[in-house]
Amino acid sequence: MKTWRTSSYTGNENNCVEVAMTSAIADIRDTKDRSGGELTFSTSAFGAFLTEAKSGRAAHQ
């Protein structure tokens, strides 16, 4: 069974994504449509995405 985590920035509106991670993969789903499917990434790819998102560089491309 996956343990899903939601960002602390989500608030009461559930307008965010949830992440379930293992040592090898990161699954992402929409908090508003939990049965709508998941995106699966390697943890290294997801880590690279988070690094870019936190740096602000991805917003300008």
PDB file of N, CA and C in Angstrom:
ATOM      1  N   MET A   1       0.838  -1.188   0.000  1.00  0.00           N
ATOM      2  CA  MET A   1       0.000   0.000   0.000  1.00  0.00           C
ATOM      3  C   MET A   1       0.881   1.248   0.000  1.00  0.00           C
ATOM      4  N   LYS A   2       0.520   2.196  -0.824  1.00  0.00           N
ATOM      5  CA  LYS A   2       1.285   3.439  -0.925  1.00  0.00           C
ATOM      6  C   LYS A   2       0.881   4.403   0.184  1.00  0.00           C
ATOM      7  N   THR A   3       1.860   5.167   0.626  1.00  0.00           N
ATOM      8  CA  THR A   3       1.603   6.246   1.568  1.00  0.00           C
ATOM      9  C   THR A   3       1.718   7.556   0.800  1.00  0.00           C
ATOM     10  N   TRP A   4       0.577   8.214   0.616  1.00  0.00           N
ATOM     11  CA  TRP A   4       0.526   9.462  -0.135  1.00  0.00           C
ATOM     12  C   TRP A   4       0.744  10.642   0.797  1.00  0.00           C
ATOM     13  N   ARG A   5       1.543  11.607   0.353  1.00  0.00           N
ATOM     14  CA  ARG A   5       1.784  12.837   1.117  1.00  0.00           C
ATOM     15  C   ARG A   5       1.362  14.027   0.276  1.00  0.00           C
ATOM     16  N   THR A   6       0.798  15.002   0.948  1.00  0.00           N
ATOM     17  CA  THR A   6       0.361  16.229   0.292  1.00  0.00           C
ATOM     18  C   THR A   6       1.216  17.384   0.795  1.00  0.00           C
ATOM     19  N   SER A   7       1.504  18.318  -0.058  1.00  0.00           N
ATOM     20  CA  SER A   7       2.282  19.488   0.318  1.00  0.00           C
ATOM     21  C   SER A   7       1.609  20.248   1.454  1.00  0.00           C
ATOM     22  N   SER A   8       2.405  20.805   2.336  1.00  0.00           N
ATOM     23  CA  SER A   8       1.862  21.634   3.420  1.00  0.00           C
ATOM     24  C   SER A   8       1.293  22.940   2.881  1.00  0.00           C
ATOM     25  N   TYR A   9       1.577  23.277   1.625  1.00  0.00           N
ATOM     26  CA  TYR A   9       1.058  24.489   1.004  1.00  0.00           C
ATOM     27  C   TYR A   9      -0.336  24.301   0.410  1.00  0.00           C
ATOM     28  N   THR A  10      -0.872  23.085   0.447  1.00  0.00           N
ATOM     29  CA  THR A  10      -2.148  22.778  -0.188  1.00  0.00           C
ATOM     30  C   THR A  10      -3.306  23.560   0.415  1.00  0.00           C
ATOM     31  N   GLY A  11      -3.374  23.659   1.714  1.00  0.00           N
ATOM     32  CA  GLY A  11      -4.484  24.348   2.368  1.00  0.00           C
ATOM     33  C   GLY A  11      -5.751  23.527   2.326  1.00  0.00           C
ATOM     34  N   ASN A  12      -6.884  24.173   2.458  1.00  0.00           N
ATOM     35  CA  ASN A  12      -8.164  23.474   2.523  1.00  0.00           C
ATOM     36  C   ASN A  12      -8.788  23.209   1.166  1.00  0.00           C
ATOM     37  N   GLU A  13      -8.222  23.747   0.091  1.00  0.00           N
ATOM     38  CA  GLU A  13      -8.842  23.632  -1.221  1.00  0.00           C
ATOM     39  C   GLU A  13      -8.394  22.414  -2.021  1.00  0.00           C
ATOM     40  N   ASN A  14      -7.417  21.664  -1.530  1.00  0.00           N
ATOM     41  CA  ASN A  14      -6.907  20.480  -2.225  1.00  0.00           C
ATOM     42  C   ASN A  14      -6.499  20.772  -3.668  1.00  0.00           C
ATOM     43  N   ASN A  15      -5.884  21.913  -3.909  1.00  0.00           N
ATOM     44  CA  ASN A  15      -5.456  22.264  -5.263  1.00  0.00           C
ATOM     45  C   ASN A  15      -3.956  22.021  -5.425  1.00  0.00           C
ATOM     46  N   CYS A  16      -3.576  20.801  -5.198  1.00  0.00           N
ATOM     47  CA  CYS A  16      -2.162  20.456  -5.226  1.00  0.00           C
ATOM     48  C   CYS A  16      -2.025  19.026  -5.729  1.00  0.00           C
ATOM     49  N   VAL A  17      -0.841  18.476  -5.609  1.00  0.00           N
ATOM     50  CA  VAL A  17      -0.609  17.082  -5.956  1.00  0.00           C
ATOM     51  C   VAL A  17      -0.171  16.321  -4.720  1.00  0.00           C
ATOM     52  N   GLU A  18      -0.303  15.007  -4.798  1.00  0.00           N
ATOM     53  CA  GLU A  18       0.178  14.124  -3.743  1.00  0.00           C
ATOM     54  C   GLU A  18       1.302  13.287  -4.321  1.00  0.00           C
ATOM     55  N   VAL A  19       2.246  12.901  -3.462  1.00  0.00           N
ATOM     56  CA  VAL A  19       3.396  12.114  -3.880  1.00  0.00           C
ATOM     57  C   VAL A  19       3.512  10.890  -2.982  1.00  0.00           C
ATOM     58  N   ALA A  20       3.733   9.739  -3.603  1.00  0.00           N
ATOM     59  CA  ALA A  20       4.048   8.504  -2.877  1.00  0.00           C
ATOM     60  C   ALA A  20       5.400   8.040  -3.403  1.00  0.00           C
ATOM     61  N   MET A  21       6.362   7.871  -2.499  1.00  0.00           N
ATOM     62  CA  MET A  21       7.715   7.523  -2.935  1.00  0.00           C
ATOM     63  C   MET A  21       8.179   6.206  -2.336  1.00  0.00           C
ATOM     64  N   THR A  22       8.972   5.495  -3.136  1.00  0.00           N
ATOM     65  CA  THR A  22       9.721   4.340  -2.663  1.00  0.00           C
ATOM     66  C   THR A  22      11.186   4.676  -2.907  1.00  0.00           C
ATOM     67  N   SER A  23      12.057   3.720  -2.711  1.00  0.00           N
ATOM     68  CA  SER A  23      13.477   4.001  -2.970  1.00  0.00           C
ATOM     69  C   SER A  23      13.763   4.142  -4.463  1.00  0.00           C
ATOM     70  N   ALA A  24      12.862   3.658  -5.320  1.00  0.00           N
ATOM     71  CA  ALA A  24      13.121   3.682  -6.758  1.00  0.00           C
ATOM     72  C   ALA A  24      12.188   4.581  -7.560  1.00  0.00           C
ATOM     73  N   ILE A  25      10.954   4.801  -7.082  1.00  0.00           N
ATOM     74  CA  ILE A  25       9.994   5.553  -7.888  1.00  0.00           C
ATOM     75  C   ILE A  25       9.261   6.614  -7.068  1.00  0.00           C
ATOM     76  N   ALA A  26       8.747   7.600  -7.787  1.00  0.00           N
ATOM     77  CA  ALA A  26       7.878   8.631  -7.214  1.00  0.00           C
ATOM     78  C   ALA A  26       6.596   8.640  -8.037  1.00  0.00           C
ATOM     79  N   ASP A  27       5.466   8.382  -7.399  1.00  0.00           N
ATOM     80  CA  ASP A  27       4.159   8.456  -8.051  1.00  0.00           C
ATOM     81  C   ASP A  27       3.514   9.773  -7.665  1.00  0.00           C
ATOM     82  N   ILE A  28       2.911  10.444  -8.633  1.00  0.00           N
ATOM     83  CA  ILE A  28       2.272  11.739  -8.411  1.00  0.00           C
ATOM     84  C   ILE A  28       0.831  11.646  -8.897  1.00  0.00           C
ATOM     85  N   ARG A  29      -0.102  12.212  -8.098  1.00  0.00           N
ATOM     86  CA  ARG A  29      -1.502  12.258  -8.509  1.00  0.00           C
ATOM     87  C   ARG A  29      -2.128  13.573  -8.065  1.00  0.00           C
ATOM     88  N   ASP A  30      -3.242  13.919  -8.681  1.00  0.00           N
ATOM     89  CA  ASP A  30      -3.987  15.142  -8.400  1.00  0.00           C
ATOM     90  C   ASP A  30      -4.845  14.937  -7.152  1.00  0.00           C
ATOM     91  N   THR A  31      -4.778  15.857  -6.202  1.00  0.00           N
ATOM     92  CA  THR A  31      -5.578  15.715  -4.988  1.00  0.00           C
ATOM     93  C   THR A  31      -7.072  15.840  -5.260  1.00  0.00           C
ATOM     94  N   LYS A  32      -7.446  16.534  -6.325  1.00  0.00           N
ATOM     95  CA  LYS A  32      -8.867  16.703  -6.642  1.00  0.00           C
ATOM     96  C   LYS A  32      -9.432  15.521  -7.410  1.00  0.00           C
ATOM     97  N   ASP A  33      -8.569  14.680  -7.991  1.00  0.00           N
ATOM     98  CA  ASP A  33      -9.016  13.552  -8.798  1.00  0.00           C
ATOM     99  C   ASP A  33      -8.118  12.349  -8.517  1.00  0.00           C
ATOM    100  N   ARG A  34      -8.212  11.824  -7.333  1.00  0.00           N
ATOM    101  CA  ARG A  34      -7.315  10.749  -6.905  1.00  0.00           C
ATOM    102  C   ARG A  34      -7.459   9.470  -7.717  1.00  0.00           C
ATOM    103  N   SER A  35      -8.603   9.258  -8.331  1.00  0.00           N
ATOM    104  CA  SER A  35      -8.781   8.054  -9.149  1.00  0.00           C
ATOM    105  C   SER A  35      -8.462   8.321 -10.616  1.00  0.00           C
ATOM    106  N   GLY A  36      -7.978   9.492 -10.934  1.00  0.00           N
ATOM    107  CA  GLY A  36      -7.718   9.889 -12.312  1.00  0.00           C
ATOM    108  C   GLY A  36      -6.395   9.426 -12.878  1.00  0.00           C
ATOM    109  N   GLY A  37      -5.664   8.630 -12.163  1.00  0.00           N
ATOM    110  CA  GLY A  37      -4.391   8.129 -12.661  1.00  0.00           C
ATOM    111  C   GLY A  37      -3.205   8.745 -11.942  1.00  0.00           C
ATOM    112  N   GLU A  38      -2.059   8.196 -12.234  1.00  0.00           N
ATOM    113  CA  GLU A  38      -0.819   8.625 -11.593  1.00  0.00           C
ATOM    114  C   GLU A  38       0.270   8.786 -12.642  1.00  0.00           C
ATOM    115  N   LEU A  39       1.194   9.666 -12.366  1.00  0.00           N
ATOM    116  CA  LEU A  39       2.417   9.778 -13.156  1.00  0.00           C
ATOM    117  C   LEU A  39       3.524   9.133 -12.341  1.00  0.00           C
ATOM    118  N   THR A  40       4.355   8.347 -12.980  1.00  0.00           N
ATOM    119  CA  THR A  40       5.435   7.654 -12.285  1.00  0.00           C
ATOM    120  C   THR A  40       6.776   8.099 -12.849  1.00  0.00           C
ATOM    121  N   PHE A  41       7.679   8.463 -11.957  1.00  0.00           N
ATOM    122  CA  PHE A  41       9.023   8.901 -12.323  1.00  0.00           C
ATOM    123  C   PHE A  41      10.037   8.149 -11.482  1.00  0.00           C
ATOM    124  N   SER A  42      11.247   8.036 -11.984  1.00  0.00           N
ATOM    125  CA  SER A  42      12.322   7.518 -11.128  1.00  0.00           C
ATOM    126  C   SER A  42      12.579   8.560 -10.048  1.00  0.00           C
ATOM    127  N   THR A  43      13.090   8.133  -8.920  1.00  0.00           N
ATOM    128  CA  THR A  43      13.361   9.102  -7.852  1.00  0.00           C
ATOM    129  C   THR A  43      14.441  10.091  -8.278  1.00  0.00           C
ATOM    130  N   SER A  44      15.374   9.660  -9.134  1.00  0.00           N
ATOM    131  CA  SER A  44      16.403  10.611  -9.586  1.00  0.00           C
ATOM    132  C   SER A  44      15.794  11.671 -10.504  1.00  0.00           C
ATOM    133  N   ALA A  45      14.872  11.283 -11.378  1.00  0.00           N
ATOM    134  CA  ALA A  45      14.213  12.262 -12.255  1.00  0.00           C
ATOM    135  C   ALA A  45      13.339  13.211 -11.443  1.00  0.00           C
ATOM    136  N   PHE A  46      12.631  12.685 -10.465  1.00  0.00           N
ATOM    137  CA  PHE A  46      11.782  13.531  -9.633  1.00  0.00           C
ATOM    138  C   PHE A  46      12.635  14.475  -8.793  1.00  0.00           C
ATOM    139  N   GLY A  47      13.748  13.985  -8.283  1.00  0.00           N
ATOM    140  CA  GLY A  47      14.663  14.839  -7.528  1.00  0.00           C
ATOM    141  C   GLY A  47      15.218  15.974  -8.373  1.00  0.00           C
ATOM    142  N   ALA A  48      15.542  15.675  -9.634  1.00  0.00           N
ATOM    143  CA  ALA A  48      16.035  16.718 -10.546  1.00  0.00           C
ATOM    144  C   ALA A  48      14.944  17.748 -10.813  1.00  0.00           C
ATOM    145  N   PHE A  49      13.705  17.280 -10.980  1.00  0.00           N
ATOM    146  CA  PHE A  49      12.582  18.205 -11.167  1.00  0.00           C
ATOM    147  C   PHE A  49      12.428  19.122  -9.956  1.00  0.00           C
ATOM    148  N   LEU A  50      12.468  18.559  -8.751  1.00  0.00           N
ATOM    149  CA  LEU A  50      12.321  19.373  -7.540  1.00  0.00           C
ATOM    150  C   LEU A  50      13.436  20.405  -7.420  1.00  0.00           C
ATOM    151  N   THR A  51      14.651  20.006  -7.756  1.00  0.00           N
ATOM    152  CA  THR A  51      15.778  20.946  -7.714  1.00  0.00           C
ATOM    153  C   THR A  51      15.533  22.119  -8.651  1.00  0.00           C
ATOM    154  N   GLU A  52      15.083  21.842  -9.870  1.00  0.00           N
ATOM    155  CA  GLU A  52      14.775  22.910 -10.833  1.00  0.00           C
ATOM    156  C   GLU A  52      13.617  23.779 -10.361  1.00  0.00           C
ATOM    157  N   ALA A  53      12.567  23.141  -9.853  1.00  0.00           N
ATOM    158  CA  ALA A  53      11.395  23.898  -9.403  1.00  0.00           C
ATOM    159  C   ALA A  53      11.754  24.822  -8.234  1.00  0.00           C
ATOM    160  N   LYS A  54      12.548  24.335  -7.308  1.00  0.00           N
ATOM    161  CA  LYS A  54      12.944  25.145  -6.156  1.00  0.00           C
ATOM    162  C   LYS A  54      13.863  26.299  -6.560  1.00  0.00           C
ATOM    163  N   SER A  55      14.634  26.095  -7.630  1.00  0.00           N
ATOM    164  CA  SER A  55      15.564  27.145  -8.047  1.00  0.00           C
ATOM    165  C   SER A  55      14.868  28.278  -8.780  1.00  0.00           C
ATOM    166  N   GLY A  56      13.671  28.010  -9.312  1.00  0.00           N
ATOM    167  CA  GLY A  56      12.953  29.020 -10.066  1.00  0.00           C
ATOM    168  C   GLY A  56      13.313  29.049 -11.534  1.00  0.00           C
ATOM    169  N   ARG A  57      14.321  28.294 -11.940  1.00  0.00           N
ATOM    170  CA  ARG A  57      14.749  28.295 -13.339  1.00  0.00           C
ATOM    171  C   ARG A  57      13.690  27.698 -14.250  1.00  0.00           C
ATOM    172  N   ALA A  58      12.955  26.682 -13.799  1.00  0.00           N
ATOM    173  CA  ALA A  58      11.966  26.015 -14.653  1.00  0.00           C
ATOM    174  C   ALA A  58      10.812  26.934 -15.018  1.00  0.00           C
ATOM    175  N   ALA A  59      10.522  27.919 -14.207  1.00  0.00           N
ATOM    176  CA  ALA A  59       9.404  28.834 -14.462  1.00  0.00           C
ATOM    177  C   ALA A  59       9.665  29.748 -15.652  1.00  0.00           C
ATOM    178  N   HIS A  60      10.901  29.889 -16.048  1.00  0.00           N
ATOM    179  CA  HIS A  60      11.267  30.834 -17.096  1.00  0.00           C
ATOM    180  C   HIS A  60      11.490  30.175 -18.448  1.00  0.00           C
ATOM    181  N   GLN A  61      11.217  28.902 -18.561  1.00  0.00           N
ATOM    182  CA  GLN A  61      11.478  28.204 -19.835  1.00  0.00           C
ATOM    183  C   GLN A  61      10.219  28.022 -20.616  1.00  0.00           C
TER     184      GLN A  61
END
